PDB file of N, CA and C in Angstrom:
ATOM      1  N   MET A   1      46.348  84.283  80.883  1.00  0.00           N
ATOM      2  CA  MET A   1      47.422  83.426  80.448  1.00  0.00           C
ATOM      3  C   MET A   1      48.532  84.231  79.762  1.00  0.00           C
ATOM      4  N   LYS A   2      48.121  85.216  78.952  1.00  0.00           N
ATOM      5  CA  LYS A   2      49.114  86.048  78.269  1.00  0.00           C
ATOM      6  C   LYS A   2      49.975  86.801  79.277  1.00  0.00           C
ATOM      7  N   ARG A   3      49.365  87.279  80.353  1.00  0.00           N
ATOM      8  CA  ARG A   3      50.105  88.020  81.377  1.00  0.00           C
ATOM      9  C   ARG A   3      51.187  87.145  82.007  1.00  0.00           C
ATOM     10  N   ILE A   4      50.852  85.902  82.274  1.00  0.00           N
ATOM     11  CA  ILE A   4      51.824  84.982  82.864  1.00  0.00           C
ATOM     12  C   ILE A   4      52.992  84.782  81.903  1.00  0.00           C
ATOM     13  N   ALA A   5      52.703  84.621  80.642  1.00  0.00           N
ATOM     14  CA  ALA A   5      53.761  84.433  79.642  1.00  0.00           C
ATOM     15  C   ALA A   5      54.642  85.673  79.537  1.00  0.00           C
ATOM     16  N   ILE A   6      54.035  86.849  79.566  1.00  0.00           N
ATOM     17  CA  ILE A   6      54.800  88.095  79.481  1.00  0.00           C
ATOM     18  C   ILE A   6      55.684  88.261  80.715  1.00  0.00           C
ATOM     19  N   VAL A   7      55.122  87.986  81.885  1.00  0.00           N
ATOM     20  CA  VAL A   7      55.906  88.083  83.122  1.00  0.00           C
ATOM     21  C   VAL A   7      57.054  87.092  83.080  1.00  0.00           C
ATOM     22  N   ALA A   8      56.806  85.886  82.611  1.00  0.00           N
ATOM     23  CA  ALA A   8      57.860  84.869  82.513  1.00  0.00           C
ATOM     24  C   ALA A   8      58.969  85.326  81.572  1.00  0.00           C
ATOM     25  N   LEU A   9      58.611  85.923  80.453  1.00  0.00           N
ATOM     26  CA  LEU A   9      59.619  86.434  79.515  1.00  0.00           C
ATOM     27  C   LEU A   9      60.439  87.556  80.125  1.00  0.00           C
ATOM     28  N   ILE A  10      59.794  88.447  80.823  1.00  0.00           N
ATOM     29  CA  ILE A  10      60.501  89.558  81.469  1.00  0.00           C
ATOM     30  C   ILE A  10      61.463  89.029  82.526  1.00  0.00           C
ATOM     31  N   LEU A  11      61.004  88.079  83.331  1.00  0.00           N
ATOM     32  CA  LEU A  11      61.868  87.496  84.352  1.00  0.00           C
ATOM     33  C   LEU A  11      63.044  86.759  83.730  1.00  0.00           C
ATOM     34  N   ALA A  12      62.800  86.029  82.659  1.00  0.00           N
ATOM     35  CA  ALA A  12      63.879  85.298  81.989  1.00  0.00           C
ATOM     36  C   ALA A  12      64.903  86.266  81.422  1.00  0.00           C
ATOM     37  N   ALA A  13      64.449  87.369  80.859  1.00  0.00           N
ATOM     38  CA  ALA A  13      65.371  88.371  80.325  1.00  0.00           C
ATOM     39  C   ALA A  13      66.211  88.970  81.440  1.00  0.00           C
ATOM     40  N   GLY A  14      65.608  89.213  82.576  1.00  0.00           N
ATOM     41  CA  GLY A  14      66.342  89.761  83.720  1.00  0.00           C
ATOM     42  C   GLY A  14      67.399  88.808  84.230  1.00  0.00           C
ATOM     43  N   VAL A  15      67.090  87.517  84.254  1.00  0.00           N
ATOM     44  CA  VAL A  15      68.062  86.523  84.704  1.00  0.00           C
ATOM     45  C   VAL A  15      69.242  86.489  83.753  1.00  0.00           C
ATOM     46  N   GLY A  16      68.984  86.590  82.454  1.00  0.00           N
ATOM     47  CA  GLY A  16      70.073  86.618  81.469  1.00  0.00           C
ATOM     48  C   GLY A  16      70.963  87.829  81.663  1.00  0.00           C
ATOM     49  N   GLN A  17      70.394  88.945  82.008  1.00  0.00           N
ATOM     50  CA  GLN A  17      71.154  90.168  82.212  1.00  0.00           C
ATOM     51  C   GLN A  17      72.061  90.083  83.430  1.00  0.00           C
ATOM     52  N   ALA A  18      71.641  89.327  84.440  1.00  0.00           N
ATOM     53  CA  ALA A  18      72.403  89.254  85.685  1.00  0.00           C
ATOM     54  C   ALA A  18      73.797  88.691  85.451  1.00  0.00           C
ATOM     55  N   GLY A  19      73.941  87.796  84.481  1.00  0.00           N
ATOM     56  CA  GLY A  19      75.246  87.197  84.221  1.00  0.00           C
ATOM     57  C   GLY A  19      76.049  87.943  83.173  1.00  0.00           C
ATOM     58  N   ALA A  20      75.476  88.933  82.546  1.00  0.00           N
ATOM     59  CA  ALA A  20      76.154  89.662  81.480  1.00  0.00           C
ATOM     60  C   ALA A  20      77.210  90.606  82.037  1.00  0.00           C
ATOM     61  N   GLN A  21      78.120  90.978  81.146  1.00  0.00           N
ATOM     62  CA  GLN A  21      79.136  91.958  81.526  1.00  0.00           C
ATOM     63  C   GLN A  21      78.538  93.354  81.422  1.00  0.00           C
ATOM     64  N   ASP A  22      78.937  94.228  82.336  1.00  0.00           N
ATOM     65  CA  ASP A  22      78.406  95.575  82.391  1.00  0.00           C
ATOM     66  C   ASP A  22      79.569  96.554  82.566  1.00  0.00           C
ATOM     67  N   ALA A  23      79.940  97.236  81.482  1.00  0.00           N
ATOM     68  CA  ALA A  23      81.087  98.148  81.516  1.00  0.00           C
ATOM     69  C   ALA A  23      80.884  99.293  82.506  1.00  0.00           C
ATOM     70  N   ALA A  24      79.662  99.791  82.631  1.00  0.00           N
ATOM     71  CA  ALA A  24      79.405 100.879  83.586  1.00  0.00           C
ATOM     72  C   ALA A  24      79.646 100.395  85.018  1.00  0.00           C
ATOM     73  N   ALA A  25      79.201  99.197  85.325  1.00  0.00           N
ATOM     74  CA  ALA A  25      79.468  98.630  86.655  1.00  0.00           C
ATOM     75  C   ALA A  25      80.964  98.367  86.805  1.00  0.00           C
ATOM     76  N   GLY A  26      81.611  97.955  85.719  1.00  0.00           N
ATOM     77  CA  GLY A  26      83.049  97.702  85.743  1.00  0.00           C
ATOM     78  C   GLY A  26      83.862  98.949  86.024  1.00  0.00           C
ATOM     79  N   GLU A  27      83.357 100.092  85.583  1.00  0.00           N
ATOM     80  CA  GLU A  27      84.053 101.353  85.879  1.00  0.00           C
ATOM     81  C   GLU A  27      84.074 101.593  87.388  1.00  0.00           C
ATOM     82  N   LYS A  28      82.998 101.226  88.055  1.00  0.00           N
ATOM     83  CA  LYS A  28      82.959 101.360  89.517  1.00  0.00           C
ATOM     84  C   LYS A  28      83.931 100.387  90.178  1.00  0.00           C
ATOM     85  N   VAL A  29      84.034  99.175  89.648  1.00  0.00           N
ATOM     86  CA  VAL A  29      84.990  98.192  90.174  1.00  0.00           C
ATOM     87  C   VAL A  29      86.413  98.709  89.967  1.00  0.00           C
ATOM     88  N   PHE A  30      86.661  99.352  88.835  1.00  0.00           N
ATOM     89  CA  PHE A  30      87.984  99.873  88.506  1.00  0.00           C
ATOM     90  C   PHE A  30      88.452 100.942  89.496  1.00  0.00           C
ATOM     91  N   ALA A  31      87.542 101.496  90.267  1.00  0.00           N
ATOM     92  CA  ALA A  31      87.910 102.518  91.250  1.00  0.00           C
ATOM     93  C   ALA A  31      89.013 102.022  92.179  1.00  0.00           C
ATOM     94  N   VAL A  32      89.009 100.734  92.526  1.00  0.00           N
ATOM     95  CA  VAL A  32      90.072 100.204  93.389  1.00  0.00           C
ATOM     96  C   VAL A  32      91.385 100.048  92.627  1.00  0.00           C
ATOM     97  N   CYS A  33      91.321  99.940  91.318  1.00  0.00           N
ATOM     98  CA  CYS A  33      92.511  99.782  90.478  1.00  0.00           C
ATOM     99  C   CYS A  33      93.189 101.126  90.203  1.00  0.00           C
ATOM    100  N   LYS A  34      92.384 102.209  90.242  1.00  0.00           N
ATOM    101  CA  LYS A  34      92.864 103.549  89.896  1.00  0.00           C
ATOM    102  C   LYS A  34      94.009 104.050  90.761  1.00  0.00           C
ATOM    103  N   ALA A  35      94.150 103.482  91.937  1.00  0.00           N
ATOM    104  CA  ALA A  35      95.240 103.914  92.805  1.00  0.00           C
ATOM    105  C   ALA A  35      96.593 103.601  92.163  1.00  0.00           C
ATOM    106  N   CYS A  36      96.613 102.594  91.299  1.00  0.00           N
ATOM    107  CA  CYS A  36      97.889 102.150  90.716  1.00  0.00           C
ATOM    108  C   CYS A  36      97.914 102.124  89.190  1.00  0.00           C
ATOM    109  N   HIS A  37      96.753 102.070  88.545  1.00  0.00           N
ATOM    110  CA  HIS A  37      96.691 101.900  87.091  1.00  0.00           C
ATOM    111  C   HIS A  37      95.867 102.996  86.435  1.00  0.00           C
ATOM    112  N   GLN A  38      96.208 103.295  85.178  1.00  0.00           N
ATOM    113  CA  GLN A  38      95.436 104.248  84.392  1.00  0.00           C
ATOM    114  C   GLN A  38      94.989 103.598  83.085  1.00  0.00           C
ATOM    115  N   VAL A  39      93.895 104.123  82.544  1.00  0.00           N
ATOM    116  CA  VAL A  39      93.381 103.723  81.234  1.00  0.00           C
ATOM    117  C   VAL A  39      92.963 104.981  80.491  1.00  0.00           C
ATOM    118  N   GLY A  40      92.841 104.875  79.182  1.00  0.00           N
ATOM    119  CA  GLY A  40      92.370 105.998  78.390  1.00  0.00           C
ATOM    120  C   GLY A  40      93.462 106.609  77.539  1.00  0.00           C
ATOM    121  N   ASP A  41      93.072 107.596  76.744  1.00  0.00           N
ATOM    122  CA  ASP A  41      93.978 108.205  75.774  1.00  0.00           C
ATOM    123  C   ASP A  41      95.191 108.882  76.397  1.00  0.00           C
ATOM    124  N   THR A  42      95.071 109.361  77.619  1.00  0.00           N
ATOM    125  CA  THR A  42      96.193 110.051  78.260  1.00  0.00           C
ATOM    126  C   THR A  42      96.838 109.215  79.363  1.00  0.00           C
ATOM    127  N   ALA A  43      96.525 107.927  79.401  1.00  0.00           N
ATOM    128  CA  ALA A  43      97.037 107.052  80.463  1.00  0.00           C
ATOM    129  C   ALA A  43      98.554 106.963  80.416  1.00  0.00           C
ATOM    130  N   LYS A  44      99.128 106.854  81.616  1.00  0.00           N
ATOM    131  CA  LYS A  44     100.573 106.661  81.728  1.00  0.00           C
ATOM    132  C   LYS A  44     100.846 105.668  82.853  1.00  0.00           C
ATOM    133  N   ASN A  45     102.030 105.116  82.840  1.00  0.00           N
ATOM    134  CA  ASN A  45     102.437 104.206  83.897  1.00  0.00           C
ATOM    135  C   ASN A  45     102.583 104.979  85.200  1.00  0.00           C
ATOM    136  N   VAL A  46     102.074 104.419  86.274  1.00  0.00           N
ATOM    137  CA  VAL A  46     102.253 105.008  87.601  1.00  0.00           C
ATOM    138  C   VAL A  46     102.794 103.887  88.489  1.00  0.00           C
ATOM    139  N   VAL A  47     102.158 103.586  89.587  1.00  0.00           N
ATOM    140  CA  VAL A  47     102.593 102.482  90.437  1.00  0.00           C
ATOM    141  C   VAL A  47     102.512 101.167  89.647  1.00  0.00           C
ATOM    142  N   GLY A  48     101.490 101.050  88.810  1.00  0.00           N
ATOM    143  CA  GLY A  48     101.311  99.903  87.922  1.00  0.00           C
ATOM    144  C   GLY A  48     101.290 100.369  86.479  1.00  0.00           C
ATOM    145  N   PRO A  49     101.364  99.424  85.545  1.00  0.00           N
ATOM    146  CA  PRO A  49     101.379  99.799  84.123  1.00  0.00           C
ATOM    147  C   PRO A  49     100.012 100.230  83.610  1.00  0.00           C
ATOM    148  N   VAL A  50     100.013 100.904  82.486  1.00  0.00           N
ATOM    149  CA  VAL A  50      98.801 101.265  81.759  1.00  0.00           C
ATOM    150  C   VAL A  50      98.048  99.975  81.428  1.00  0.00           C
ATOM    151  N   LEU A  51      96.725 100.014  81.521  1.00  0.00           N
ATOM    152  CA  LEU A  51      95.934  98.819  81.227  1.00  0.00           C
ATOM    153  C   LEU A  51      95.197  98.890  79.893  1.00  0.00           C
ATOM    154  N   ASN A  52      95.499  99.895  79.076  1.00  0.00           N
ATOM    155  CA  ASN A  52      94.928  99.948  77.727  1.00  0.00           C
ATOM    156  C   ASN A  52      95.347  98.691  76.959  1.00  0.00           C
ATOM    157  N   GLY A  53      94.419  98.107  76.221  1.00  0.00           N
ATOM    158  CA  GLY A  53      94.743  96.964  75.381  1.00  0.00           C
ATOM    159  C   GLY A  53      95.235  95.748  76.145  1.00  0.00           C
ATOM    160  N   LEU A  54      94.782  95.570  77.365  1.00  0.00           N
ATOM    161  CA  LEU A  54      95.283  94.476  78.202  1.00  0.00           C
ATOM    162  C   LEU A  54      94.993  93.100  77.607  1.00  0.00           C
ATOM    163  N   ILE A  55      93.746  92.865  77.222  1.00  0.00           N
ATOM    164  CA  ILE A  55      93.373  91.543  76.718  1.00  0.00           C
ATOM    165  C   ILE A  55      94.035  91.328  75.353  1.00  0.00           C
ATOM    166  N   GLY A  56      94.819  90.258  75.276  1.00  0.00           N
ATOM    167  CA  GLY A  56      95.576  89.951  74.062  1.00  0.00           C
ATOM    168  C   GLY A  56      97.033  90.358  74.142  1.00  0.00           C
ATOM    169  N   ARG A  57      97.399  91.043  75.196  1.00  0.00           N
ATOM    170  CA  ARG A  57      98.762  91.539  75.375  1.00  0.00           C
ATOM    171  C   ARG A  57      99.581  90.557  76.209  1.00  0.00           C
ATOM    172  N   LYS A  58     100.872  90.476  75.928  1.00  0.00           N
ATOM    173  CA  LYS A  58     101.758  89.641  76.730  1.00  0.00           C
ATOM    174  C   LYS A  58     102.049  90.342  78.050  1.00  0.00           C
ATOM    175  N   ALA A  59     102.142  89.564  79.122  1.00  0.00           N
ATOM    176  CA  ALA A  59     102.483  90.112  80.433  1.00  0.00           C
ATOM    177  C   ALA A  59     103.876  90.727  80.374  1.00  0.00           C
ATOM    178  N   GLY A  60     104.032  91.857  81.043  1.00  0.00           N
ATOM    179  CA  GLY A  60     105.335  92.506  81.113  1.00  0.00           C
ATOM    180  C   GLY A  60     105.726  93.260  79.864  1.00  0.00           C
ATOM    181  N   ALA A  61     104.752  93.705  79.071  1.00  0.00           N
ATOM    182  CA  ALA A  61     105.070  94.262  77.755  1.00  0.00           C
ATOM    183  C   ALA A  61     104.872  95.765  77.597  1.00  0.00           C
ATOM    184  N   VAL A  62     104.415  96.469  78.614  1.00  0.00           N
ATOM    185  CA  VAL A  62     104.206  97.914  78.453  1.00  0.00           C
ATOM    186  C   VAL A  62     105.547  98.626  78.564  1.00  0.00           C
ATOM    187  N   GLU A  63     105.849  99.401  77.541  1.00  0.00           N
ATOM    188  CA  GLU A  63     107.112 100.143  77.491  1.00  0.00           C
ATOM    189  C   GLU A  63     107.208 101.123  78.654  1.00  0.00           C
ATOM    190  N   GLY A  64     108.376 101.163  79.273  1.00  0.00           N
ATOM    191  CA  GLY A  64     108.635 102.139  80.319  1.00  0.00           C
ATOM    192  C   GLY A  64     108.203 101.731  81.711  1.00  0.00           C
ATOM    193  N   TYR A  65     107.586 100.552  81.850  1.00  0.00           N
ATOM    194  CA  TYR A  65     107.191 100.109  83.186  1.00  0.00           C
ATOM    195  C   TYR A  65     108.193  99.063  83.676  1.00  0.00           C
ATOM    196  N   ASN A  66     108.614  99.174  84.921  1.00  0.00           N
ATOM    197  CA  ASN A  66     109.586  98.264  85.509  1.00  0.00           C
ATOM    198  C   ASN A  66     108.876  97.072  86.158  1.00  0.00           C
ATOM    199  N   TYR A  67     108.623  96.048  85.375  1.00  0.00           N
ATOM    200  CA  TYR A  67     107.934  94.850  85.850  1.00  0.00           C
ATOM    201  C   TYR A  67     108.848  93.989  86.707  1.00  0.00           C
ATOM    202  N   SER A  68     108.248  93.162  87.550  1.00  0.00           N
ATOM    203  CA  SER A  68     109.000  92.150  88.295  1.00  0.00           C
ATOM    204  C   SER A  68     109.494  91.092  87.299  1.00  0.00           C
ATOM    205  N   GLU A  69     110.569  90.430  87.652  1.00  0.00           N
ATOM    206  CA  GLU A  69     111.071  89.334  86.808  1.00  0.00           C
ATOM    207  C   GLU A  69     110.008  88.250  86.675  1.00  0.00           C
ATOM    208  N   ALA A  70     109.276  88.002  87.768  1.00  0.00           N
ATOM    209  CA  ALA A  70     108.231  86.978  87.740  1.00  0.00           C
ATOM    210  C   ALA A  70     107.182  87.301  86.677  1.00  0.00           C
ATOM    211  N   ASN A  71     106.789  88.549  86.574  1.00  0.00           N
ATOM    212  CA  ASN A  71     105.798  88.953  85.593  1.00  0.00           C
ATOM    213  C   ASN A  71     106.362  88.834  84.185  1.00  0.00           C
ATOM    214  N   LYS A  72     107.565  89.342  83.980  1.00  0.00           N
ATOM    215  CA  LYS A  72     108.182  89.299  82.649  1.00  0.00           C
ATOM    216  C   LYS A  72     108.384  87.868  82.161  1.00  0.00           C
ATOM    217  N   LYS A  73     108.681  86.957  83.086  1.00  0.00           N
ATOM    218  CA  LYS A  73     108.976  85.573  82.711  1.00  0.00           C
ATOM    219  C   LYS A  73     107.767  84.643  82.829  1.00  0.00           C
ATOM    220  N   SER A  74     106.608  85.186  83.120  1.00  0.00           N
ATOM    221  CA  SER A  74     105.420  84.360  83.342  1.00  0.00           C
ATOM    222  C   SER A  74     104.947  83.631  82.086  1.00  0.00           C
ATOM    223  N   GLY A  75     105.235  84.202  80.912  1.00  0.00           N
ATOM    224  CA  GLY A  75     104.772  83.595  79.668  1.00  0.00           C
ATOM    225  C   GLY A  75     103.293  83.793  79.398  1.00  0.00           C
ATOM    226  N   ILE A  76     102.665  84.631  80.194  1.00  0.00           N
ATOM    227  CA  ILE A  76     101.222  84.849  80.069  1.00  0.00           C
ATOM    228  C   ILE A  76     100.919  85.829  78.940  1.00  0.00           C
ATOM    229  N   THR A  77      99.915  85.485  78.149  1.00  0.00           N
ATOM    230  CA  THR A  77      99.258  86.435  77.269  1.00  0.00           C
ATOM    231  C   THR A  77      97.863  86.579  77.852  1.00  0.00           C
ATOM    232  N   TRP A  78      97.511  87.809  78.202  1.00  0.00           N
ATOM    233  CA  TRP A  78      96.258  88.050  78.910  1.00  0.00           C
ATOM    234  C   TRP A  78      95.053  87.770  78.031  1.00  0.00           C
ATOM    235  N   ASP A  79      94.206  86.890  78.510  1.00  0.00           N
ATOM    236  CA  ASP A  79      92.872  86.711  77.938  1.00  0.00           C
ATOM    237  C   ASP A  79      91.902  86.828  79.110  1.00  0.00           C
ATOM    238  N   GLU A  80      90.622  86.745  78.844  1.00  0.00           N
ATOM    239  CA  GLU A  80      89.653  86.962  79.917  1.00  0.00           C
ATOM    240  C   GLU A  80      89.786  85.916  81.031  1.00  0.00           C
ATOM    241  N   ALA A  81      89.996  84.661  80.675  1.00  0.00           N
ATOM    242  CA  ALA A  81      90.095  83.602  81.683  1.00  0.00           C
ATOM    243  C   ALA A  81      91.342  83.783  82.549  1.00  0.00           C
ATOM    244  N   THR A  82      92.467  84.087  81.918  1.00  0.00           N
ATOM    245  CA  THR A  82      93.714  84.265  82.661  1.00  0.00           C
ATOM    246  C   THR A  82      93.638  85.487  83.562  1.00  0.00           C
ATOM    247  N   PHE A  83      93.107  86.586  83.032  1.00  0.00           N
ATOM    248  CA  PHE A  83      92.965  87.789  83.850  1.00  0.00           C
ATOM    249  C   PHE A  83      92.020  87.537  85.024  1.00  0.00           C
ATOM    250  N   SER A  84      90.925  86.815  84.779  1.00  0.00           N
ATOM    251  CA  SER A  84      89.972  86.508  85.855  1.00  0.00           C
ATOM    252  C   SER A  84      90.658  85.743  86.975  1.00  0.00           C
ATOM    253  N   GLU A  85      91.456  84.774  86.615  1.00  0.00           N
ATOM    254  CA  GLU A  85      92.189  83.993  87.615  1.00  0.00           C
ATOM    255  C   GLU A  85      93.195  84.881  88.355  1.00  0.00           C
ATOM    256  N   TYR A  86      93.907  85.709  87.598  1.00  0.00           N
ATOM    257  CA  TYR A  86      94.921  86.589  88.173  1.00  0.00           C
ATOM    258  C   TYR A  86      94.326  87.599  89.159  1.00  0.00           C
ATOM    259  N   ILE A  87      93.252  88.249  88.746  1.00  0.00           N
ATOM    260  CA  ILE A  87      92.717  89.344  89.558  1.00  0.00           C
ATOM    261  C   ILE A  87      92.083  88.839  90.857  1.00  0.00           C
ATOM    262  N   LYS A  88      91.770  87.551  90.928  1.00  0.00           N
ATOM    263  CA  LYS A  88      91.258  86.971  92.178  1.00  0.00           C
ATOM    264  C   LYS A  88      92.354  86.917  93.236  1.00  0.00           C
ATOM    265  N   ASP A  89      93.591  86.627  92.795  1.00  0.00           N
ATOM    266  CA  ASP A  89      94.711  86.496  93.730  1.00  0.00           C
ATOM    267  C   ASP A  89      96.015  86.628  92.934  1.00  0.00           C
ATOM    268  N   PRO A  90      96.454  87.868  92.673  1.00  0.00           N
ATOM    269  CA  PRO A  90      97.626  88.075  91.816  1.00  0.00           C
ATOM    270  C   PRO A  90      98.873  87.306  92.255  1.00  0.00           C
ATOM    271  N   LYS A  91      99.147  87.262  93.534  1.00  0.00           N
ATOM    272  CA  LYS A  91     100.367  86.598  94.009  1.00  0.00           C
ATOM    273  C   LYS A  91     100.296  85.077  93.868  1.00  0.00           C
ATOM    274  N   ALA A  92      99.104  84.518  93.832  1.00  0.00           N
ATOM    275  CA  ALA A  92      98.960  83.078  93.610  1.00  0.00           C
ATOM    276  C   ALA A  92      99.181  82.752  92.133  1.00  0.00           C
ATOM    277  N   LYS A  93      98.685  83.610  91.237  1.00  0.00           N
ATOM    278  CA  LYS A  93      98.819  83.367  89.797  1.00  0.00           C
ATOM    279  C   LYS A  93     100.246  83.611  89.334  1.00  0.00           C
ATOM    280  N   ILE A  94     100.873  84.697  89.825  1.00  0.00           N
ATOM    281  CA  ILE A  94     102.263  85.006  89.465  1.00  0.00           C
ATOM    282  C   ILE A  94     103.043  85.234  90.762  1.00  0.00           C
ATOM    283  N   PRO A  95     103.540  84.142  91.356  1.00  0.00           N
ATOM    284  CA  PRO A  95     104.351  84.314  92.572  1.00  0.00           C
ATOM    285  C   PRO A  95     105.549  85.221  92.271  1.00  0.00           C
ATOM    286  N   GLY A  96     105.756  86.205  93.128  1.00  0.00           N
ATOM    287  CA  GLY A  96     106.850  87.145  92.916  1.00  0.00           C
ATOM    288  C   GLY A  96     106.423  88.431  92.236  1.00  0.00           C
ATOM    289  N   THR A  97     105.151  88.554  91.866  1.00  0.00           N
ATOM    290  CA  THR A  97     104.681  89.797  91.253  1.00  0.00           C
ATOM    291  C   THR A  97     104.799  90.947  92.251  1.00  0.00           C
ATOM    292  N   LYS A  98     104.971  92.148  91.737  1.00  0.00           N
ATOM    293  CA  LYS A  98     105.024  93.336  92.596  1.00  0.00           C
ATOM    294  C   LYS A  98     103.623  93.816  92.972  1.00  0.00           C
ATOM    295  N   MET A  99     102.604  93.279  92.317  1.00  0.00           N
ATOM    296  CA  MET A  99     101.247  93.760  92.548  1.00  0.00           C
ATOM    297  C   MET A  99     100.785  93.375  93.938  1.00  0.00           C
ATOM    298  N   ALA A 100     100.674  94.389  94.782  1.00  0.00           N
ATOM    299  CA  ALA A 100     100.234  94.187  96.171  1.00  0.00           C
ATOM    300  C   ALA A 100      98.736  94.483  96.236  1.00  0.00           C
ATOM    301  N   PHE A 101      97.949  93.482  95.930  1.00  0.00           N
ATOM    302  CA  PHE A 101      96.491  93.635  95.881  1.00  0.00           C
ATOM    303  C   PHE A 101      95.865  92.327  96.334  1.00  0.00           C
ATOM    304  N   ALA A 102      94.923  92.403  97.243  1.00  0.00           N
ATOM    305  CA  ALA A 102      94.296  91.198  97.808  1.00  0.00           C
ATOM    306  C   ALA A 102      93.447  90.454  96.787  1.00  0.00           C
ATOM    307  N   GLY A 103      92.967  91.162  95.779  1.00  0.00           N
ATOM    308  CA  GLY A 103      92.183  90.517  94.733  1.00  0.00           C
ATOM    309  C   GLY A 103      90.713  90.855  94.793  1.00  0.00           C
ATOM    310  N   ILE A 104      90.038  90.515  93.717  1.00  0.00           N
ATOM    311  CA  ILE A 104      88.583  90.666  93.603  1.00  0.00           C
ATOM    312  C   ILE A 104      88.033  89.253  93.509  1.00  0.00           C
ATOM    313  N   LYS A 105      87.188  88.880  94.433  1.00  0.00           N
ATOM    314  CA  LYS A 105      86.678  87.511  94.493  1.00  0.00           C
ATOM    315  C   LYS A 105      85.332  87.340  93.790  1.00  0.00           C
ATOM    316  N   ASP A 106      84.563  88.399  93.682  1.00  0.00           N
ATOM    317  CA  ASP A 106      83.216  88.345  93.124  1.00  0.00           C
ATOM    318  C   ASP A 106      83.271  88.174  91.596  1.00  0.00           C
ATOM    319  N   GLU A 107      82.738  87.065  91.107  1.00  0.00           N
ATOM    320  CA  GLU A 107      82.786  86.746  89.668  1.00  0.00           C
ATOM    321  C   GLU A 107      82.125  87.823  88.813  1.00  0.00           C
ATOM    322  N   GLN A 108      80.980  88.342  89.264  1.00  0.00           N
ATOM    323  CA  GLN A 108      80.287  89.360  88.470  1.00  0.00           C
ATOM    324  C   GLN A 108      81.106  90.640  88.390  1.00  0.00           C
ATOM    325  N   LYS A 109      81.730  91.031  89.488  1.00  0.00           N
ATOM    326  CA  LYS A 109      82.578  92.227  89.465  1.00  0.00           C
ATOM    327  C   LYS A 109      83.752  92.031  88.510  1.00  0.00           C
ATOM    328  N   ILE A 110      84.306  90.846  88.465  1.00  0.00           N
ATOM    329  CA  ILE A 110      85.412  90.561  87.540  1.00  0.00           C
ATOM    330  C   ILE A 110      84.924  90.665  86.101  1.00  0.00           C
ATOM    331  N   LYS A 111      83.758  90.095  85.798  1.00  0.00           N
ATOM    332  CA  LYS A 111      83.200  90.189  84.443  1.00  0.00           C
ATOM    333  C   LYS A 111      82.967  91.648  84.055  1.00  0.00           C
ATOM    334  N   ASP A 112      82.422  92.413  84.997  1.00  0.00           N
ATOM    335  CA  ASP A 112      82.160  93.826  84.728  1.00  0.00           C
ATOM    336  C   ASP A 112      83.468  94.591  84.522  1.00  0.00           C
ATOM    337  N   LEU A 113      84.472  94.289  85.323  1.00  0.00           N
ATOM    338  CA  LEU A 113      85.780  94.934  85.172  1.00  0.00           C
ATOM    339  C   LEU A 113      86.372  94.628  83.796  1.00  0.00           C
ATOM    340  N   ILE A 114      86.268  93.398  83.367  1.00  0.00           N
ATOM    341  CA  ILE A 114      86.770  93.022  82.041  1.00  0.00           C
ATOM    342  C   ILE A 114      86.021  93.789  80.952  1.00  0.00           C
ATOM    343  N   ALA A 115      84.710  93.906  81.091  1.00  0.00           N
ATOM    344  CA  ALA A 115      83.927  94.672  80.111  1.00  0.00           C
ATOM    345  C   ALA A 115      84.414  96.117  80.055  1.00  0.00           C
ATOM    346  N   TYR A 116      84.693  96.697  81.212  1.00  0.00           N
ATOM    347  CA  TYR A 116      85.203  98.069  81.263  1.00  0.00           C
ATOM    348  C   TYR A 116      86.576  98.159  80.602  1.00  0.00           C
ATOM    349  N   LEU A 117      87.464  97.231  80.922  1.00  0.00           N
ATOM    350  CA  LEU A 117      88.804  97.257  80.318  1.00  0.00           C
ATOM    351  C   LEU A 117      88.723  97.096  78.797  1.00  0.00           C
ATOM    352  N   HIS A 118      87.753  96.336  78.315  1.00  0.00           N
ATOM    353  CA  HIS A 118      87.584  96.178  76.860  1.00  0.00           C
ATOM    354  C   HIS A 118      87.253  97.512  76.183  1.00  0.00           C
ATOM    355  N   THR A 119      86.696  98.454  76.912  1.00  0.00           N
ATOM    356  CA  THR A 119      86.392  99.744  76.284  1.00  0.00           C
ATOM    357  C   THR A 119      87.678 100.504  75.941  1.00  0.00           C
ATOM    358  N   PHE A 120      88.822 100.010  76.421  1.00  0.00           N
ATOM    359  CA  PHE A 120      90.118 100.633  76.144  1.00  0.00           C
ATOM    360  C   PHE A 120      91.010  99.744  75.273  1.00  0.00           C
ATOM    361  N   ASP A 121      90.394  98.792  74.585  1.00  0.00           N
ATOM    362  CA  ASP A 121      91.160  97.887  73.718  1.00  0.00           C
ATOM    363  C   ASP A 121      91.937  98.642  72.638  1.00  0.00           C
ATOM    364  N   LYS A 122      91.372  99.722  72.145  1.00  0.00           N
ATOM    365  CA  LYS A 122      92.001 100.486  71.054  1.00  0.00           C
ATOM    366  C   LYS A 122      92.695 101.755  71.537  1.00  0.00           C
ATOM    367  N   ALA A 123      92.686 101.993  72.839  1.00  0.00           N
ATOM    368  CA  ALA A 123      93.368 103.185  73.386  1.00  0.00           C
ATOM    369  C   ALA A 123      94.873 103.000  73.255  1.00  0.00           C
ATOM    370  N   PRO A 124      95.616 104.091  73.137  1.00  0.00           N
ATOM    371  CA  PRO A 124      97.062 103.987  72.907  1.00  0.00           C
ATOM    372  C   PRO A 124      97.816 103.341  74.072  1.00  0.00           C
ATOM    373  N   VAL A 125      98.768 102.505  73.702  1.00  0.00           N
ATOM    374  CA  VAL A 125      99.689 101.909  74.663  1.00  0.00           C
ATOM    375  C   VAL A 125     100.961 101.546  73.887  1.00  0.00           C
ATOM    376  N   LYS A 126     102.103 101.895  74.451  1.00  0.00           N
ATOM    377  CA  LYS A 126     103.383 101.555  73.819  1.00  0.00           C
ATOM    378  C   LYS A 126     103.870 100.253  74.423  1.00  0.00           C
ATOM    379  N   LEU A 127     104.179  99.294  73.556  1.00  0.00           N
ATOM    380  CA  LEU A 127     104.644  97.995  74.002  1.00  0.00           C
ATOM    381  C   LEU A 127     106.127  97.820  73.657  1.00  0.00           C
ATOM    382  N   THR A 128     106.819  97.039  74.482  1.00  0.00           N
ATOM    383  CA  THR A 128     108.225  96.746  74.202  1.00  0.00           C
ATOM    384  C   THR A 128     108.296  95.825  72.997  1.00  0.00           C
ATOM    385  N   GLN A 129     109.374  95.847  72.337  1.00  0.00           N
ATOM    386  CA  GLN A 129     109.546  94.995  71.143  1.00  0.00           C
ATOM    387  C   GLN A 129     109.942  93.597  71.489  1.00  0.00           C
TER     388      GLN A 129
END
């Protein structure tokens, strides 16, 4: 009987983990973002803006990046829910955005990507005033 209870606990713990965010897995998801975006202490704007400190930041706010008018005027402040919706289909969330990306549809990959981006919450980023 004890074995059944232990196995049940182990299985329940595994199920809980399946829905959790995983920054290491998110780093792998970020590989598709790296073509246009950078993160980290030495990150700079390239095709897309720096993604340091994304969650909590207003859309169109990274200094030195030439955002689309649609992005600048979107009124969005990035939180996890808004980013999740955006990254599934950027052009649907912000019509007129310059971001040419088909999106990430897998919910777990999005959660993992967000966990990875959170590891750069305190990394340097210059914002417009």
